[in-house]
C-alpha atoms as a PDB file:
ATOM      1  CA  MET A   1     -21.234 -29.293   2.900  1.00  0.00           C
ATOM      2  CA  LEU A   2     -23.319 -28.058  -0.028  1.00  0.00           C
ATOM      3  CA  VAL A   3     -21.508 -26.578  -3.021  1.00  0.00           C
ATOM      4  CA  ALA A   4     -23.208 -23.190  -2.552  1.00  0.00           C
ATOM      5  CA  GLU A   5     -22.234 -23.058   1.117  1.00  0.00           C
ATOM      6  CA  ARG A   6     -18.612 -23.997   0.358  1.00  0.00           C
ATOM      7  CA  ARG A   7     -18.292 -21.370  -2.364  1.00  0.00           C
ATOM      8  CA  ALA A   8     -19.797 -18.759  -0.057  1.00  0.00           C
ATOM      9  CA  ARG A   9     -17.109 -19.593   2.512  1.00  0.00           C
ATOM     10  CA  VAL A  10     -14.414 -19.411  -0.182  1.00  0.00           C
ATOM     11  CA  LEU A  11     -15.666 -15.976  -1.233  1.00  0.00           C
ATOM     12  CA  SER A  12     -15.824 -14.817   2.384  1.00  0.00           C
ATOM     13  CA  ALA A  13     -12.192 -15.878   2.929  1.00  0.00           C
ATOM     14  CA  VAL A  14     -11.045 -14.018  -0.185  1.00  0.00           C
ATOM     15  CA  HIS A  15     -12.844 -10.826   0.853  1.00  0.00           C
ATOM     16  CA  ALA A  16     -11.507 -11.042   4.405  1.00  0.00           C
ATOM     17  CA  GLN A  17      -7.879 -11.701   3.460  1.00  0.00           C
ATOM     18  CA  GLY A  18      -7.581 -10.097   0.040  1.00  0.00           C
ATOM     19  CA  ALA A  19      -5.809 -13.184  -1.323  1.00  0.00           C
ATOM     20  CA  VAL A  20      -5.922 -16.886  -0.456  1.00  0.00           C
ATOM     21  CA  SER A  21      -4.143 -19.970  -1.723  1.00  0.00           C
ATOM     22  CA  VAL A  22      -5.719 -23.183  -2.985  1.00  0.00           C
ATOM     23  CA  THR A  23      -3.796 -25.145  -0.350  1.00  0.00           C
ATOM     24  CA  THR A  24      -5.084 -23.034   2.541  1.00  0.00           C
ATOM     25  CA  LEU A  25      -8.683 -23.246   1.341  1.00  0.00           C
ATOM     26  CA  ALA A  26      -8.460 -27.003   0.818  1.00  0.00           C
ATOM     27  CA  VAL A  27      -7.190 -27.524   4.371  1.00  0.00           C
ATOM     28  CA  ASP A  28      -9.689 -25.131   5.963  1.00  0.00           C
ATOM     29  CA  LEU A  29     -12.680 -26.603   4.114  1.00  0.00           C
ATOM     30  CA  GLN A  30     -11.403 -30.215   4.204  1.00  0.00           C
ATOM     31  CA  VAL A  31     -11.787 -30.826   0.473  1.00  0.00           C
ATOM     32  CA  SER A  32      -9.361 -31.572  -2.339  1.00  0.00           C
ATOM     33  CA  ALA A  33      -7.315 -28.934  -4.111  1.00  0.00           C
ATOM     34  CA  MET A  34      -9.093 -29.870  -7.353  1.00  0.00           C
ATOM     35  CA  THR A  35     -12.468 -29.087  -5.762  1.00  0.00           C
ATOM     36  CA  ILE A  36     -11.198 -25.680  -4.653  1.00  0.00           C
ATOM     37  CA  ARG A  37      -9.842 -24.955  -8.139  1.00  0.00           C
ATOM     38  CA  ARG A  38     -13.274 -25.723  -9.634  1.00  0.00           C
ATOM     39  CA  ASP A  39     -14.895 -23.435  -7.065  1.00  0.00           C
ATOM     40  CA  LEU A  40     -12.486 -20.618  -7.887  1.00  0.00           C
ATOM     41  CA  GLU A  41     -13.076 -21.033 -11.620  1.00  0.00           C
ATOM     42  CA  ALA A  42     -16.841 -20.838 -11.102  1.00  0.00           C
ATOM     43  CA  LEU A  43     -16.599 -17.771  -8.856  1.00  0.00           C
ATOM     44  CA  ALA A  44     -14.215 -16.081 -11.298  1.00  0.00           C
ATOM     45  CA  ARG A  45     -16.638 -16.721 -14.192  1.00  0.00           C
ATOM     46  CA  ASP A  46     -19.349 -15.004 -12.140  1.00  0.00           C
ATOM     47  CA  GLY A  47     -17.071 -12.012 -11.645  1.00  0.00           C
ATOM     48  CA  LEU A  48     -16.899 -12.452  -7.859  1.00  0.00           C
ATOM     49  CA  LEU A  49     -13.113 -12.832  -7.537  1.00  0.00           C
ATOM     50  CA  ASP A  50      -9.943 -12.997  -9.620  1.00  0.00           C
ATOM     51  CA  LYS A  51      -8.347 -16.413 -10.063  1.00  0.00           C
ATOM     52  CA  VAL A  52      -4.541 -16.278  -9.982  1.00  0.00           C
ATOM     53  CA  HIS A  53      -1.783 -18.879 -10.032  1.00  0.00           C
ATOM     54  CA  GLY A  54      -2.138 -20.967  -6.871  1.00  0.00           C
ATOM     55  CA  GLY A  55      -5.220 -19.249  -5.519  1.00  0.00           C
ATOM     56  CA  ALA A  56      -7.472 -16.217  -5.839  1.00  0.00           C
ATOM     57  CA  THR A  57      -7.591 -12.520  -4.979  1.00  0.00           C
ATOM     58  CA  ALA A  58     -10.405 -10.092  -4.284  1.00  0.00           C
ATOM     59  CA  ARG A  59     -11.891  -8.591  -7.411  1.00  0.00           C
ATOM     60  CA  ARG A  60      -9.591  -5.878  -8.747  1.00  0.00           C
ATOM     61  CA  SER A  61     -10.739  -2.378  -9.505  1.00  0.00           C
ATOM     62  CA  PRO A  62     -10.323  -1.291 -13.138  1.00  0.00           C
ATOM     63  CA  SER A  63      -6.636  -0.562 -13.698  1.00  0.00           C
ATOM     64  CA  ALA A  64      -7.206   3.100 -14.591  1.00  0.00           C
ATOM     65  CA  GLU A  65      -9.756   3.877 -11.843  1.00  0.00           C
ATOM     66  CA  GLU A  66      -8.530   6.423  -9.304  1.00  0.00           C
ATOM     67  CA  VAL A  67     -10.527   6.629  -6.083  1.00  0.00           C
ATOM     68  CA  GLY A  68     -10.637   9.842  -4.052  1.00  0.00           C
ATOM     69  CA  PHE A  69      -8.872  10.300  -0.699  1.00  0.00           C
ATOM     70  CA  GLU A  70     -12.075  10.308   1.385  1.00  0.00           C
ATOM     71  CA  ALA A  71     -13.359   7.105  -0.211  1.00  0.00           C
ATOM     72  CA  LYS A  72     -10.080   5.286   0.458  1.00  0.00           C
ATOM     73  CA  ALA A  73      -9.748   6.624   3.995  1.00  0.00           C
ATOM     74  CA  GLY A  74     -12.593   4.414   5.232  1.00  0.00           C
ATOM     75  CA  ARG A  75     -11.071   1.166   3.963  1.00  0.00           C
ATOM     76  CA  GLU A  76      -8.997  -1.181   6.183  1.00  0.00           C
ATOM     77  CA  ARG A  77      -8.608   1.467   8.908  1.00  0.00           C
ATOM     78  CA  ALA A  78      -7.362  -0.936  11.588  1.00  0.00           C
ATOM     79  CA  GLU A  79      -4.803  -2.423   9.196  1.00  0.00           C
ATOM     80  CA  LYS A  80      -3.553   1.016   8.145  1.00  0.00           C
ATOM     81  CA  ASP A  81      -3.163   2.110  11.764  1.00  0.00           C
ATOM     82  CA  ALA A  82      -1.187  -1.040  12.603  1.00  0.00           C
ATOM     83  CA  ILE A  83       1.034  -0.552   9.546  1.00  0.00           C
ATOM     84  CA  ALA A  84       1.583   3.116  10.434  1.00  0.00           C
ATOM     85  CA  SER A  85       2.599   2.237  13.987  1.00  0.00           C
ATOM     86  CA  LEU A  86       5.181  -0.302  12.813  1.00  0.00           C
ATOM     87  CA  ALA A  87       6.476   1.926   9.993  1.00  0.00           C
ATOM     88  CA  ALA A  88       6.999   4.805  12.420  1.00  0.00           C
ATOM     89  CA  SER A  89       9.531   2.667  14.300  1.00  0.00           C
ATOM     90  CA  LEU A  90      11.838   2.983  11.271  1.00  0.00           C
ATOM     91  CA  VAL A  91      12.055   6.755  11.778  1.00  0.00           C
ATOM     92  CA  GLU A  92      14.528   8.419  14.152  1.00  0.00           C
ATOM     93  CA  PRO A  93      14.494  11.972  15.560  1.00  0.00           C
ATOM     94  CA  GLY A  94      16.050  14.570  13.273  1.00  0.00           C
ATOM     95  CA  MET A  95      15.485  12.638  10.036  1.00  0.00           C
ATOM     96  CA  SER A  96      14.213  14.081   6.764  1.00  0.00           C
ATOM     97  CA  VAL A  97      11.264  11.895   5.769  1.00  0.00           C
ATOM     98  CA  GLY A  98       9.497  11.677   2.415  1.00  0.00           C
ATOM     99  CA  LEU A  99       5.807  10.739   2.399  1.00  0.00           C
ATOM    100  CA  SER A 100       3.897  10.019  -0.799  1.00  0.00           C
ATOM    101  CA  ALA A 101       0.205  10.762  -1.065  1.00  0.00           C
ATOM    102  CA  GLY A 102      -2.162   8.113   0.288  1.00  0.00           C
ATOM    103  CA  THR A 103      -4.331   7.174   3.233  1.00  0.00           C
ATOM    104  CA  THR A 104      -1.767   4.799   4.775  1.00  0.00           C
ATOM    105  CA  THR A 105       0.973   7.425   4.578  1.00  0.00           C
ATOM    106  CA  TRP A 106      -1.505   9.894   6.113  1.00  0.00           C
ATOM    107  CA  ALA A 107      -1.962   7.484   9.044  1.00  0.00           C
ATOM    108  CA  LEU A 108       1.842   7.310   9.294  1.00  0.00           C
ATOM    109  CA  ALA A 109       2.087  11.112   9.320  1.00  0.00           C
ATOM    110  CA  ARG A 110      -0.141  11.149  12.415  1.00  0.00           C
ATOM    111  CA  ARG A 111       2.302   8.796  14.173  1.00  0.00           C
ATOM    112  CA  LEU A 112       5.311  10.866  13.150  1.00  0.00           C
ATOM    113  CA  ARG A 113       3.970  13.893  15.024  1.00  0.00           C
ATOM    114  CA  THR A 114       5.368  12.264  18.178  1.00  0.00           C
ATOM    115  CA  VAL A 115       8.910  12.093  16.731  1.00  0.00           C
ATOM    116  CA  PRO A 116      10.939  15.268  17.364  1.00  0.00           C
ATOM    117  CA  ARG A 117      12.872  17.420  14.883  1.00  0.00           C
ATOM    118  CA  LEU A 118      11.588  15.840  11.693  1.00  0.00           C
ATOM    119  CA  THR A 119      11.499  17.483   8.293  1.00  0.00           C
ATOM    120  CA  ILE A 120       8.663  16.101   6.186  1.00  0.00           C
ATOM    121  CA  VAL A 121       8.720  16.200   2.384  1.00  0.00           C
ATOM    122  CA  THR A 122       5.381  15.343   0.782  1.00  0.00           C
ATOM    123  CA  ASN A 123       3.242  15.731  -2.311  1.00  0.00           C
ATOM    124  CA  SER A 124       0.054  15.133  -0.300  1.00  0.00           C
ATOM    125  CA  LEU A 125      -2.296  18.001   0.528  1.00  0.00           C
ATOM    126  CA  PRO A 126      -4.038  16.075   3.378  1.00  0.00           C
ATOM    127  CA  ILE A 127      -0.666  15.225   4.962  1.00  0.00           C
ATOM    128  CA  ALA A 128       0.497  18.846   4.718  1.00  0.00           C
ATOM    129  CA  ASP A 129      -2.799  19.995   6.292  1.00  0.00           C
ATOM    130  CA  LEU A 130      -2.453  17.429   9.082  1.00  0.00           C
ATOM    131  CA  LEU A 131       1.084  18.531   9.940  1.00  0.00           C
ATOM    132  CA  HIS A 132       0.104  22.205   9.769  1.00  0.00           C
ATOM    133  CA  THR A 133      -2.419  21.879  12.619  1.00  0.00           C
ATOM    134  CA  ALA A 134      -1.394  22.730  16.187  1.00  0.00           C
ATOM    135  CA  PRO A 135       0.248  19.740  17.913  1.00  0.00           C
ATOM    136  CA  LEU A 136      -1.626  17.827  20.591  1.00  0.00           C
ATOM    137  CA  PRO A 137      -0.079  16.964  23.977  1.00  0.00           C
ATOM    138  CA  GLY A 138       2.844  14.597  23.429  1.00  0.00           C
ATOM    139  CA  GLU A 139       3.291  15.703  19.812  1.00  0.00           C
ATOM    140  CA  TYR A 140       6.021  17.840  18.233  1.00  0.00           C
ATOM    141  CA  GLU A 141       5.849  20.487  15.567  1.00  0.00           C
ATOM    142  CA  PRO A 142       7.844  19.146  12.576  1.00  0.00           C
ATOM    143  CA  ALA A 143      11.054  21.087  11.954  1.00  0.00           C
ATOM    144  CA  GLY A 144       9.701  21.795   8.498  1.00  0.00           C
ATOM    145  CA  VAL A 145       7.127  20.631   5.982  1.00  0.00           C
ATOM    146  CA  VAL A 146       8.107  20.797   2.317  1.00  0.00           C
ATOM    147  CA  LEU A 147       5.119  20.572  -0.049  1.00  0.00           C
ATOM    148  CA  THR A 148       6.216  19.851  -3.603  1.00  0.00           C
ATOM    149  CA  GLY A 149       3.546  21.641  -5.616  1.00  0.00           C
ATOM    150  CA  GLY A 150       2.202  20.213  -8.862  1.00  0.00           C
ATOM    151  CA  VAL A 151      -1.051  19.164 -10.530  1.00  0.00           C
ATOM    152  CA  ARG A 152      -3.721  17.953  -8.094  1.00  0.00           C
ATOM    153  CA  THR A 153      -5.182  14.466  -8.634  1.00  0.00           C
ATOM    154  CA  ALA A 154      -8.470  12.908  -7.484  1.00  0.00           C
ATOM    155  CA  SER A 155      -6.617  11.466  -4.481  1.00  0.00           C
ATOM    156  CA  ASP A 156      -5.283  14.926  -3.479  1.00  0.00           C
ATOM    157  CA  ALA A 157      -1.736  14.179  -4.625  1.00  0.00           C
ATOM    158  CA  LEU A 158       0.403  16.839  -6.287  1.00  0.00           C
ATOM    159  CA  VAL A 159       2.076  15.314  -9.348  1.00  0.00           C
ATOM    160  CA  GLY A 160       3.705  16.115 -12.657  1.00  0.00           C
ATOM    161  CA  PRO A 161       6.790  18.097 -13.786  1.00  0.00           C
ATOM    162  CA  VAL A 162       6.653  20.664 -10.966  1.00  0.00           C
ATOM    163  CA  ALA A 163       6.584  17.946  -8.290  1.00  0.00           C
ATOM    164  CA  VAL A 164       9.328  15.961 -10.044  1.00  0.00           C
ATOM    165  CA  ALA A 165      11.565  19.050 -10.370  1.00  0.00           C
ATOM    166  CA  ALA A 166      11.116  19.865  -6.671  1.00  0.00           C
ATOM    167  CA  LEU A 167      11.980  16.320  -5.571  1.00  0.00           C
ATOM    168  CA  ALA A 168      15.093  16.270  -7.773  1.00  0.00           C
ATOM    169  CA  GLN A 169      16.600  18.971  -5.530  1.00  0.00           C
ATOM    170  CA  LEU A 170      15.872  17.181  -2.244  1.00  0.00           C
ATOM    171  CA  HIS A 171      17.504  14.397  -0.248  1.00  0.00           C
ATOM    172  CA  CYS A 172      15.555  12.388   2.335  1.00  0.00           C
ATOM    173  CA  ASP A 173      16.928   9.874   4.805  1.00  0.00           C
ATOM    174  CA  ILE A 174      13.932   7.619   4.202  1.00  0.00           C
ATOM    175  CA  VAL A 175      10.816   7.741   2.045  1.00  0.00           C
ATOM    176  CA  PHE A 176       7.479   5.999   2.544  1.00  0.00           C
ATOM    177  CA  LEU A 177       5.308   5.137  -0.419  1.00  0.00           C
ATOM    178  CA  GLY A 178       1.626   4.245  -0.546  1.00  0.00           C
ATOM    179  CA  VAL A 179       0.585   2.296  -3.654  1.00  0.00           C
ATOM    180  CA  HIS A 180      -2.514   1.255  -5.562  1.00  0.00           C
ATOM    181  CA  GLY A 181      -1.223  -2.289  -5.998  1.00  0.00           C
ATOM    182  CA  MET A 182       1.682  -4.703  -5.526  1.00  0.00           C
ATOM    183  CA  ASP A 183       2.317  -7.624  -7.824  1.00  0.00           C
ATOM    184  CA  PRO A 184       5.399  -9.853  -8.259  1.00  0.00           C
ATOM    185  CA  ASP A 185       5.373  -9.319 -12.018  1.00  0.00           C
ATOM    186  CA  ALA A 186       3.932  -5.795 -12.431  1.00  0.00           C
ATOM    187  CA  GLY A 187       5.707  -4.398  -9.359  1.00  0.00           C
ATOM    188  CA  LEU A 188       4.302  -1.336  -7.595  1.00  0.00           C
ATOM    189  CA  THR A 189       1.513   0.231  -9.622  1.00  0.00           C
ATOM    190  CA  THR A 190      -0.831   3.213  -9.785  1.00  0.00           C
ATOM    191  CA  PRO A 191      -3.713   4.191 -12.101  1.00  0.00           C
ATOM    192  CA  ASN A 192      -2.186   7.659 -12.648  1.00  0.00           C
ATOM    193  CA  LEU A 193       0.705   8.088 -15.095  1.00  0.00           C
ATOM    194  CA  LEU A 194       1.877  11.386 -13.611  1.00  0.00           C
ATOM    195  CA  GLU A 195       1.714   9.989 -10.096  1.00  0.00           C
ATOM    196  CA  ALA A 196       3.970   7.102 -11.149  1.00  0.00           C
ATOM    197  CA  GLU A 197       6.575   9.569 -12.415  1.00  0.00           C
ATOM    198  CA  THR A 198       6.354  11.600  -9.203  1.00  0.00           C
ATOM    199  CA  ASP A 199       6.627   8.498  -7.001  1.00  0.00           C
ATOM    200  CA  ARG A 200       9.765   7.443  -8.898  1.00  0.00           C
ATOM    201  CA  ALA A 201      11.272  10.866  -8.183  1.00  0.00           C
ATOM    202  CA  LEU A 202      10.404  10.482  -4.484  1.00  0.00           C
ATOM    203  CA  ILE A 203      12.080   7.059  -4.361  1.00  0.00           C
ATOM    204  CA  ALA A 204      15.186   8.510  -6.043  1.00  0.00           C
ATOM    205  CA  ALA A 205      15.306  11.263  -3.407  1.00  0.00           C
ATOM    206  CA  GLY A 206      15.419   8.782  -0.531  1.00  0.00           C
ATOM    207  CA  GLY A 207      18.299   6.981   1.118  1.00  0.00           C
ATOM    208  CA  SER A 208      15.970   4.035   1.598  1.00  0.00           C
ATOM    209  CA  ALA A 209      12.461   3.324   0.301  1.00  0.00           C
ATOM    210  CA  VAL A 210       9.620   1.745   2.291  1.00  0.00           C
ATOM    211  CA  VAL A 211       6.243   0.700   0.894  1.00  0.00           C
ATOM    212  CA  VAL A 212       3.320   0.837   3.334  1.00  0.00           C
ATOM    213  CA  ALA A 213       0.464  -1.265   1.954  1.00  0.00           C
ATOM    214  CA  ASP A 214      -2.256  -3.437   3.461  1.00  0.00           C
ATOM    215  CA  HIS A 215      -2.942  -6.991   2.268  1.00  0.00           C
ATOM    216  CA  THR A 216      -5.684  -5.959  -0.188  1.00  0.00           C
ATOM    217  CA  LYS A 217      -3.046  -4.295  -2.392  1.00  0.00           C
ATOM    218  CA  TRP A 218      -1.368  -7.634  -3.141  1.00  0.00           C
ATOM    219  CA  GLY A 219      -2.271  -8.896  -6.627  1.00  0.00           C
ATOM    220  CA  THR A 220      -3.862  -5.570  -7.610  1.00  0.00           C
ATOM    221  CA  ILE A 221      -2.423  -4.052 -10.783  1.00  0.00           C
ATOM    222  CA  GLY A 222      -2.890  -0.416 -11.751  1.00  0.00           C
ATOM    223  CA  LEU A 223      -2.484   1.104 -15.187  1.00  0.00           C
ATOM    224  CA  THR A 224       1.228   1.812 -14.910  1.00  0.00           C
ATOM    225  CA  THR A 225       4.246   0.522 -12.992  1.00  0.00           C
ATOM    226  CA  ILE A 226       6.083   2.812 -10.588  1.00  0.00           C
ATOM    227  CA  VAL A 227       9.086   0.540  -9.995  1.00  0.00           C
ATOM    228  CA  ALA A 228       9.799  -3.179  -9.698  1.00  0.00           C
ATOM    229  CA  LEU A 229       9.543  -4.726  -6.227  1.00  0.00           C
ATOM    230  CA  ASP A 230      13.307  -5.239  -5.992  1.00  0.00           C
ATOM    231  CA  ARG A 231      13.820  -1.451  -6.096  1.00  0.00           C
ATOM    232  CA  ILE A 232      12.253  -1.221  -2.626  1.00  0.00           C
ATOM    233  CA  ASP A 233      14.184  -1.746   0.623  1.00  0.00           C
ATOM    234  CA  HIS A 234      11.254  -2.532   2.938  1.00  0.00           C
ATOM    235  CA  VAL A 235       7.552  -3.362   2.800  1.00  0.00           C
ATOM    236  CA  VAL A 236       5.334  -2.884   5.849  1.00  0.00           C
ATOM    237  CA  THR A 237       2.035  -4.747   5.565  1.00  0.00           C
ATOM    238  CA  ASP A 238      -0.547  -6.325   7.888  1.00  0.00           C
ATOM    239  CA  GLY A 239      -1.319  -9.794   9.207  1.00  0.00           C
ATOM    240  CA  GLY A 240      -4.010 -10.345   6.583  1.00  0.00           C
ATOM    241  CA  MET A 241      -1.332 -11.000   3.964  1.00  0.00           C
ATOM    242  CA  ASP A 242      -1.437 -14.640   2.853  1.00  0.00           C
ATOM    243  CA  ALA A 243       1.621 -16.742   3.793  1.00  0.00           C
ATOM    244  CA  ASP A 244       2.243 -17.612   0.146  1.00  0.00           C
ATOM    245  CA  ALA A 245       2.114 -13.929  -0.800  1.00  0.00           C
ATOM    246  CA  LEU A 246       4.597 -13.069   1.965  1.00  0.00           C
ATOM    247  CA  GLN A 247       6.947 -15.764   0.726  1.00  0.00           C
ATOM    248  CA  ARG A 248       6.809 -14.407  -2.823  1.00  0.00           C
ATOM    249  CA  LEU A 249       7.256 -10.839  -1.565  1.00  0.00           C
ATOM    250  CA  ARG A 250      10.383 -11.803   0.402  1.00  0.00           C
ATOM    251  CA  ARG A 251      11.990 -13.079  -2.813  1.00  0.00           C
ATOM    252  CA  HIS A 252      12.037  -9.502  -4.095  1.00  0.00           C
ATOM    253  CA  VAL A 253      12.274  -7.264  -1.010  1.00  0.00           C
ATOM    254  CA  GLY A 254      14.991  -7.440   1.650  1.00  0.00           C
ATOM    255  CA  GLY A 255      12.862  -6.311   4.587  1.00  0.00           C
ATOM    256  CA  VAL A 256       9.244  -7.440   4.939  1.00  0.00           C
ATOM    257  CA  HIS A 257       7.557  -6.345   8.172  1.00  0.00           C
ATOM    258  CA  VAL A 258       4.136  -7.620   9.243  1.00  0.00           C
ATOM    259  CA  ALA A 259       2.003  -5.548  11.631  1.00  0.00           C
ATOM    260  CA  GLU A 260      -0.308  -7.859  13.561  1.00  0.00           C
END
């Protein structure tokens, strides 16, 4: 196999999975680990991926870049739907459920419309709009939707002191958090400082905390940390998560659930 062809296949694997290990690439391409490391170094120098310990991840967005809700909604749709379906199984009728802003939590909100007698607490305008619409056959009207208020961000989240003060008065059975990135060292991160503060308040309001994040979020680091990984009770992700990443995630989080 030519060097250019091999590196193209390496890059394709990274883009498809979000993160890959040197060992996996070496086995798949039937070359030595040293050869793969040289390929990753060359691709990283060209700005095509990020080389990390033991492998590589898809190129990270700038740590302070905040993408709008509509732009994010089109990414990894199948993965988000699978994650939402599995995450919804953690919710029981009659619960109070906190949902942070985000496109994966929005997908989860759609699933929760089939669970009766829920009270939804959220700082997301799109989620509040979704739950305000008339239910479809087989769906229930939530018992109540509590919208926190606050300063609106580019991703249609309501954040800041007003949102934090509202959440401090509330108690949820379970909260679900969408994140910009997950990293074993940086923890859960976001590019927005006020959103980090609001997400911490949402976690504090919950009896248990669940992160819903597809495989592309692994190894991505935003400007500021929300909380460390070991502050989270569960992570629901998709089958694109690399086995090595899952192993590292399980060292920090008690419940790791993979939606295939």
